[in-house]
């Protein structure tokens, strides 16, 4: 134990004599670290993001009245990429993308265009 006490005493005396070195070293390291952050942030920074046009558009919410009217006018739907047509209220028709949908007034109209009625919607 006395050996450890001697080492600690020598360290404390060394620090007291050279305290100004520790202070200058700490301030120097802090200064260089701060300059590095400032310079690095300027190098890595991106150009500002500029919105030239109004990008947000209002999307019309479907109303119940509009949906009922569509069911009456066009009771059958198909995908432009598929070969089957469905009643508009069929759960399988819900999976069709809006941009690919084709509506028909009658089953005969859909079949004349080459679509087949999907019997899973009965």
N, C-alpha and C. Protein backbone atom coordinates (compact mmCIF):
# COMPACT_ATOMS: atom_id res chain seq x y z
N UNK A 1 0.80 -1.20 0.00
CA UNK A 1 0.00 0.00 0.00
C UNK A 1 0.85 1.27 0.00
N UNK A 2 1.95 1.32 0.74
CA UNK A 2 2.77 2.53 0.73
C UNK A 2 3.32 2.84 -0.66
N UNK A 3 3.57 1.84 -1.44
CA UNK A 3 4.09 2.05 -2.79
C UNK A 3 3.08 2.83 -3.64
N UNK A 4 1.80 2.47 -3.54
CA UNK A 4 0.75 3.17 -4.28
C UNK A 4 0.62 4.61 -3.81
N UNK A 5 0.74 4.81 -2.55
CA UNK A 5 0.65 6.15 -1.99
C UNK A 5 1.80 7.04 -2.50
N UNK A 6 3.00 6.47 -2.63
CA UNK A 6 4.15 7.22 -3.16
C UNK A 6 3.89 7.64 -4.61
N UNK A 7 3.37 6.72 -5.39
CA UNK A 7 3.10 7.01 -6.81
C UNK A 7 2.05 8.12 -6.92
N UNK A 8 0.98 8.03 -6.12
CA UNK A 8 -0.07 9.05 -6.15
C UNK A 8 0.47 10.41 -5.71
N UNK A 9 1.32 10.42 -4.71
CA UNK A 9 1.91 11.67 -4.23
C UNK A 9 2.77 12.30 -5.31
N UNK A 10 3.60 11.51 -5.99
CA UNK A 10 4.44 12.03 -7.06
C UNK A 10 3.60 12.59 -8.20
N UNK A 11 2.49 11.92 -8.54
CA UNK A 11 1.61 12.39 -9.60
C UNK A 11 0.98 13.73 -9.24
N UNK A 12 0.52 13.88 -8.00
CA UNK A 12 -0.09 15.14 -7.56
C UNK A 12 0.93 16.27 -7.60
N UNK A 13 2.15 16.01 -7.17
CA UNK A 13 3.20 17.04 -7.22
C UNK A 13 3.50 17.42 -8.67
N UNK A 14 3.56 16.44 -9.57
CA UNK A 14 3.81 16.70 -10.98
C UNK A 14 2.71 17.57 -11.57
N UNK A 15 1.45 17.25 -11.24
CA UNK A 15 0.32 18.03 -11.76
C UNK A 15 0.37 19.45 -11.24
N UNK A 16 0.69 19.64 -9.99
CA UNK A 16 0.77 21.00 -9.43
C UNK A 16 1.83 21.82 -10.14
N UNK A 17 2.98 21.21 -10.42
CA UNK A 17 4.07 21.94 -11.08
C UNK A 17 3.73 22.26 -12.54
N UNK A 18 3.03 21.36 -13.18
CA UNK A 18 2.78 21.48 -14.63
C UNK A 18 1.30 21.69 -14.95
N UNK A 19 0.58 22.32 -14.06
CA UNK A 19 -0.86 22.53 -14.27
C UNK A 19 -1.12 23.36 -15.52
N UNK A 20 -0.30 24.34 -15.78
CA UNK A 20 -0.50 25.18 -16.94
C UNK A 20 -0.40 24.39 -18.25
N UNK A 21 0.44 23.31 -18.27
CA UNK A 21 0.53 22.46 -19.46
C UNK A 21 -0.78 21.72 -19.71
N UNK A 22 -1.40 21.23 -18.65
CA UNK A 22 -2.67 20.53 -18.78
C UNK A 22 -3.77 21.47 -19.26
N UNK A 23 -3.79 22.68 -18.73
CA UNK A 23 -4.82 23.65 -19.13
C UNK A 23 -4.64 24.04 -20.59
N UNK A 24 -3.42 24.35 -21.00
CA UNK A 24 -3.16 24.73 -22.39
C UNK A 24 -3.47 23.56 -23.33
N UNK A 25 -3.10 22.37 -22.93
CA UNK A 25 -3.38 21.19 -23.76
C UNK A 25 -4.88 20.97 -23.92
N UNK A 26 -5.62 21.09 -22.83
CA UNK A 26 -7.07 20.91 -22.89
C UNK A 26 -7.72 21.97 -23.76
N UNK A 27 -7.31 23.22 -23.61
CA UNK A 27 -7.87 24.30 -24.43
C UNK A 27 -7.51 24.12 -25.91
N UNK A 28 -6.27 23.68 -26.18
CA UNK A 28 -5.85 23.45 -27.56
C UNK A 28 -6.65 22.35 -28.22
N UNK A 29 -6.82 21.25 -27.51
CA UNK A 29 -7.60 20.14 -28.06
C UNK A 29 -9.05 20.58 -28.31
N UNK A 30 -9.63 21.32 -27.37
CA UNK A 30 -11.00 21.80 -27.53
C UNK A 30 -11.12 22.73 -28.72
N UNK A 31 -10.15 23.63 -28.91
CA UNK A 31 -10.17 24.56 -30.02
C UNK A 31 -10.09 23.83 -31.36
N UNK A 32 -9.15 22.89 -31.48
CA UNK A 32 -9.01 22.16 -32.74
C UNK A 32 -10.23 21.29 -33.03
N UNK A 33 -10.81 20.71 -32.00
CA UNK A 33 -12.02 19.90 -32.18
C UNK A 33 -13.17 20.78 -32.70
N UNK A 34 -13.32 21.97 -32.12
CA UNK A 34 -14.38 22.89 -32.54
C UNK A 34 -14.18 23.35 -33.98
N UNK A 35 -12.96 23.69 -34.33
CA UNK A 35 -12.67 24.11 -35.71
C UNK A 35 -12.95 22.98 -36.68
N UNK A 36 -12.61 21.75 -36.30
CA UNK A 36 -12.87 20.60 -37.16
C UNK A 36 -14.35 20.40 -37.41
N UNK A 37 -15.15 20.59 -36.39
CA UNK A 37 -16.60 20.43 -36.56
C UNK A 37 -17.13 21.52 -37.49
N UNK A 38 -16.69 22.75 -37.30
CA UNK A 38 -17.19 23.86 -38.13
C UNK A 38 -16.77 23.67 -39.59
N UNK A 39 -15.52 23.35 -39.83
CA UNK A 39 -15.04 23.17 -41.19
C UNK A 39 -15.69 21.95 -41.83
N UNK A 40 -15.79 20.86 -41.09
CA UNK A 40 -16.40 19.65 -41.63
C UNK A 40 -17.85 19.84 -41.98
N UNK A 41 -18.57 20.60 -41.18
CA UNK A 41 -19.98 20.85 -41.46
C UNK A 41 -20.14 21.66 -42.74
N UNK A 42 -19.24 22.58 -43.00
CA UNK A 42 -19.32 23.38 -44.23
C UNK A 42 -18.97 22.56 -45.46
N UNK A 43 -18.08 21.62 -45.33
CA UNK A 43 -17.69 20.78 -46.46
C UNK A 43 -18.81 19.81 -46.81
N UNK A 44 -19.43 19.24 -45.82
CA UNK A 44 -20.44 18.21 -46.03
C UNK A 44 -21.82 18.79 -46.31
N UNK A 45 -22.03 20.05 -46.03
CA UNK A 45 -23.38 20.61 -46.15
C UNK A 45 -23.90 20.49 -47.58
N UNK A 46 -25.21 20.32 -47.70
CA UNK A 46 -25.86 20.16 -48.99
C UNK A 46 -26.44 21.50 -49.43
N UNK A 47 -26.66 21.64 -50.72
CA UNK A 47 -27.32 22.87 -51.18
C UNK A 47 -28.77 22.89 -50.69
N UNK A 48 -29.35 24.07 -50.56
CA UNK A 48 -30.73 24.15 -50.05
C UNK A 48 -31.71 23.49 -51.01
N UNK A 49 -32.75 22.89 -50.46
CA UNK A 49 -33.80 22.23 -51.21
C UNK A 49 -34.86 23.27 -51.54
N UNK A 50 -35.09 23.51 -52.83
CA UNK A 50 -36.01 24.56 -53.26
C UNK A 50 -37.21 23.91 -53.96
N UNK A 51 -38.39 24.25 -53.52
CA UNK A 51 -39.62 23.77 -54.16
C UNK A 51 -40.07 24.85 -55.12
N UNK A 52 -40.07 24.53 -56.42
CA UNK A 52 -40.40 25.53 -57.43
C UNK A 52 -41.89 25.63 -57.70
N UNK A 53 -42.60 24.53 -57.53
CA UNK A 53 -44.04 24.53 -57.80
C UNK A 53 -44.75 24.01 -56.55
N UNK A 54 -46.03 24.28 -56.52
CA UNK A 54 -46.81 23.73 -55.42
C UNK A 54 -47.03 22.24 -55.71
N UNK A 55 -46.44 21.39 -54.90
CA UNK A 55 -46.46 19.96 -55.16
C UNK A 55 -47.64 19.25 -54.52
N UNK A 56 -48.27 19.89 -53.58
CA UNK A 56 -49.38 19.26 -52.88
C UNK A 56 -50.67 19.56 -53.65
N UNK A 57 -51.37 18.51 -54.02
CA UNK A 57 -52.64 18.68 -54.70
C UNK A 57 -53.74 18.07 -53.86
N UNK A 58 -54.89 18.61 -54.00
CA UNK A 58 -56.03 18.12 -53.22
C UNK A 58 -56.61 16.91 -53.93
N UNK A 59 -56.78 15.84 -53.18
CA UNK A 59 -57.36 14.62 -53.73
C UNK A 59 -58.82 14.56 -53.28
N UNK A 60 -59.69 14.37 -54.24
CA UNK A 60 -61.12 14.34 -53.92
C UNK A 60 -61.46 13.04 -53.21
N UNK A 61 -62.09 13.16 -52.07
CA UNK A 61 -62.53 11.99 -51.31
C UNK A 61 -63.76 11.39 -52.00
N UNK A 62 -63.81 10.07 -52.16
CA UNK A 62 -65.01 9.49 -52.75
C UNK A 62 -66.18 9.62 -51.78
N UNK A 63 -67.30 9.97 -52.30
CA UNK A 63 -68.49 10.10 -51.46
C UNK A 63 -69.39 8.90 -51.69
N UNK A 64 -70.28 8.68 -50.76
CA UNK A 64 -71.19 7.54 -50.88
C UNK A 64 -72.09 7.71 -52.10
N UNK A 65 -72.56 8.95 -52.32
CA UNK A 65 -73.45 9.19 -53.46
C UNK A 65 -72.75 8.87 -54.78
N UNK A 66 -71.47 9.27 -54.89
CA UNK A 66 -70.70 9.02 -56.11
C UNK A 66 -70.51 7.52 -56.32
N UNK A 67 -70.22 6.80 -55.26
CA UNK A 67 -70.01 5.36 -55.36
C UNK A 67 -71.29 4.65 -55.76
N UNK A 68 -72.43 5.04 -55.20
CA UNK A 68 -73.71 4.42 -55.55
C UNK A 68 -74.03 4.70 -57.02
N UNK A 69 -73.76 5.91 -57.46
CA UNK A 69 -74.00 6.26 -58.86
C UNK A 69 -73.13 5.41 -59.79
N UNK A 70 -71.87 5.21 -59.42
CA UNK A 70 -70.98 4.38 -60.25
C UNK A 70 -71.47 2.94 -60.31
N UNK A 71 -71.98 2.42 -59.18
CA UNK A 71 -72.49 1.05 -59.17
C UNK A 71 -73.68 0.92 -60.12
N UNK A 72 -74.52 1.94 -60.16
CA UNK A 72 -75.70 1.87 -61.01
C UNK A 72 -75.33 2.02 -62.48
N UNK A 73 -74.43 2.94 -62.78
CA UNK A 73 -74.06 3.20 -64.18
C UNK A 73 -73.13 2.13 -64.73
N UNK A 74 -72.13 1.74 -63.95
CA UNK A 74 -71.14 0.76 -64.40
C UNK A 74 -71.01 -0.34 -63.34
N UNK A 75 -71.86 -1.34 -63.39
CA UNK A 75 -71.85 -2.37 -62.34
C UNK A 75 -70.72 -3.41 -62.47
N UNK A 76 -69.94 -3.37 -63.55
CA UNK A 76 -68.87 -4.35 -63.73
C UNK A 76 -67.55 -3.65 -63.98
N UNK A 77 -66.47 -4.28 -63.49
CA UNK A 77 -65.15 -3.69 -63.61
C UNK A 77 -64.14 -4.77 -63.95
N UNK A 78 -63.08 -4.35 -64.63
CA UNK A 78 -61.99 -5.26 -64.98
C UNK A 78 -60.69 -4.47 -64.94
N UNK A 79 -59.59 -5.20 -64.95
CA UNK A 79 -58.29 -4.55 -65.06
C UNK A 79 -57.85 -4.57 -66.51
N UNK A 80 -57.23 -3.50 -66.95
CA UNK A 80 -56.74 -3.46 -68.33
C UNK A 80 -55.63 -4.49 -68.55
N UNK A 81 -55.07 -4.99 -67.47
CA UNK A 81 -53.99 -5.97 -67.56
C UNK A 81 -54.45 -7.41 -67.32
N UNK A 82 -55.72 -7.59 -66.97
CA UNK A 82 -56.22 -8.92 -66.64
C UNK A 82 -57.13 -9.48 -67.70
N UNK A 83 -57.71 -10.66 -67.41
CA UNK A 83 -58.63 -11.27 -68.35
C UNK A 83 -60.01 -11.52 -67.75
N UNK A 84 -60.19 -11.17 -66.46
CA UNK A 84 -61.47 -11.38 -65.79
C UNK A 84 -62.15 -10.05 -65.50
N UNK A 85 -63.49 -10.10 -65.41
CA UNK A 85 -64.24 -8.93 -64.96
C UNK A 85 -65.09 -9.34 -63.75
N UNK A 86 -65.42 -8.36 -62.92
CA UNK A 86 -66.07 -8.60 -61.64
C UNK A 86 -67.21 -7.60 -61.44
N UNK A 87 -68.15 -7.94 -60.58
CA UNK A 87 -69.09 -6.91 -60.13
C UNK A 87 -68.31 -5.86 -59.33
N UNK A 88 -68.71 -4.61 -59.38
CA UNK A 88 -67.97 -3.53 -58.74
C UNK A 88 -67.87 -3.74 -57.23
N UNK A 89 -68.89 -4.35 -56.62
CA UNK A 89 -68.88 -4.54 -55.17
C UNK A 89 -68.18 -5.83 -54.73
N UNK A 90 -67.56 -6.56 -55.65
CA UNK A 90 -66.83 -7.79 -55.31
C UNK A 90 -65.52 -7.45 -54.60
N UNK A 91 -65.15 -8.26 -53.61
CA UNK A 91 -63.90 -8.01 -52.87
C UNK A 91 -62.67 -8.16 -53.77
N UNK A 92 -62.74 -8.98 -54.79
CA UNK A 92 -61.61 -9.13 -55.71
C UNK A 92 -61.40 -7.87 -56.54
N UNK A 93 -62.46 -7.12 -56.79
CA UNK A 93 -62.34 -5.89 -57.56
C UNK A 93 -61.67 -4.79 -56.74
N UNK A 94 -61.72 -4.91 -55.42
CA UNK A 94 -61.07 -3.90 -54.58
C UNK A 94 -59.56 -3.88 -54.77
N UNK A 95 -58.98 -4.99 -55.18
CA UNK A 95 -57.54 -5.06 -55.36
C UNK A 95 -57.03 -4.49 -56.67
N UNK A 96 -57.92 -4.08 -57.54
CA UNK A 96 -57.51 -3.53 -58.84
C UNK A 96 -57.03 -2.09 -58.66
N UNK A 97 -55.93 -1.77 -59.29
CA UNK A 97 -55.43 -0.39 -59.25
C UNK A 97 -56.39 0.52 -60.02
N UNK A 98 -56.59 1.70 -59.47
CA UNK A 98 -57.53 2.65 -60.07
C UNK A 98 -57.13 3.02 -61.50
N UNK A 99 -55.84 3.17 -61.76
CA UNK A 99 -55.41 3.58 -63.10
C UNK A 99 -55.56 2.47 -64.13
N UNK A 100 -55.74 1.21 -63.67
CA UNK A 100 -55.90 0.09 -64.60
C UNK A 100 -57.36 -0.35 -64.76
N UNK A 101 -58.27 0.27 -64.02
CA UNK A 101 -59.67 -0.17 -64.06
C UNK A 101 -60.38 0.23 -65.35
N UNK A 102 -61.21 -0.72 -65.83
CA UNK A 102 -62.09 -0.47 -66.97
C UNK A 102 -63.50 -0.83 -66.51
N UNK A 103 -64.45 0.05 -66.70
CA UNK A 103 -65.82 -0.17 -66.25
C UNK A 103 -66.71 -0.54 -67.43
N UNK A 104 -67.70 -1.41 -67.14
CA UNK A 104 -68.64 -1.86 -68.16
C UNK A 104 -70.07 -1.68 -67.65
N UNK A 105 -70.98 -1.35 -68.58
CA UNK A 105 -72.40 -1.19 -68.20
C UNK A 105 -73.10 -2.54 -68.13
N UNK A 106 -72.68 -3.50 -68.97
CA UNK A 106 -73.33 -4.81 -69.00
C UNK A 106 -72.28 -5.91 -69.05
N UNK A 107 -72.73 -7.12 -68.72
CA UNK A 107 -71.84 -8.27 -68.83
C UNK A 107 -71.50 -8.54 -70.29
N UNK A 108 -72.47 -8.33 -71.16
CA UNK A 108 -72.26 -8.57 -72.58
C UNK A 108 -71.16 -7.66 -73.13
N UNK A 109 -71.14 -6.41 -72.68
CA UNK A 109 -70.11 -5.47 -73.12
C UNK A 109 -68.71 -5.95 -72.72
N UNK A 110 -68.58 -6.46 -71.48
CA UNK A 110 -67.29 -6.97 -71.00
C UNK A 110 -66.87 -8.20 -71.79
N UNK A 111 -67.83 -9.09 -72.05
CA UNK A 111 -67.50 -10.32 -72.77
C UNK A 111 -67.17 -10.04 -74.24
N UNK A 112 -67.80 -9.02 -74.82
CA UNK A 112 -67.49 -8.63 -76.20
C UNK A 112 -66.06 -8.14 -76.33
N UNK A 113 -65.51 -7.57 -75.23
CA UNK A 113 -64.13 -7.08 -75.25
C UNK A 113 -63.14 -8.17 -74.85
N UNK A 114 -63.62 -9.41 -74.65
CA UNK A 114 -62.73 -10.54 -74.39
C UNK A 114 -62.51 -10.88 -72.93
N UNK A 115 -63.25 -10.27 -72.02
CA UNK A 115 -63.09 -10.57 -70.59
C UNK A 115 -64.01 -11.71 -70.19
N UNK A 116 -63.58 -12.46 -69.18
CA UNK A 116 -64.31 -13.62 -68.67
C UNK A 116 -64.85 -13.28 -67.29
N UNK A 117 -66.11 -13.65 -67.02
CA UNK A 117 -66.71 -13.37 -65.71
C UNK A 117 -66.07 -14.27 -64.66
N UNK A 118 -65.65 -13.68 -63.54
CA UNK A 118 -65.04 -14.44 -62.45
C UNK A 118 -66.15 -14.95 -61.54
N UNK A 119 -66.30 -16.26 -61.46
CA UNK A 119 -67.41 -16.86 -60.70
C UNK A 119 -67.18 -16.83 -59.20
N UNK A 120 -66.00 -16.48 -58.76
CA UNK A 120 -65.76 -16.43 -57.30
C UNK A 120 -66.47 -15.25 -56.64
N UNK A 121 -67.02 -14.35 -57.44
CA UNK A 121 -67.70 -13.18 -56.88
C UNK A 121 -69.20 -13.38 -56.75
N UNK A 122 -69.71 -14.56 -56.99
CA UNK A 122 -71.16 -14.80 -56.86
C UNK A 122 -71.57 -14.92 -55.42
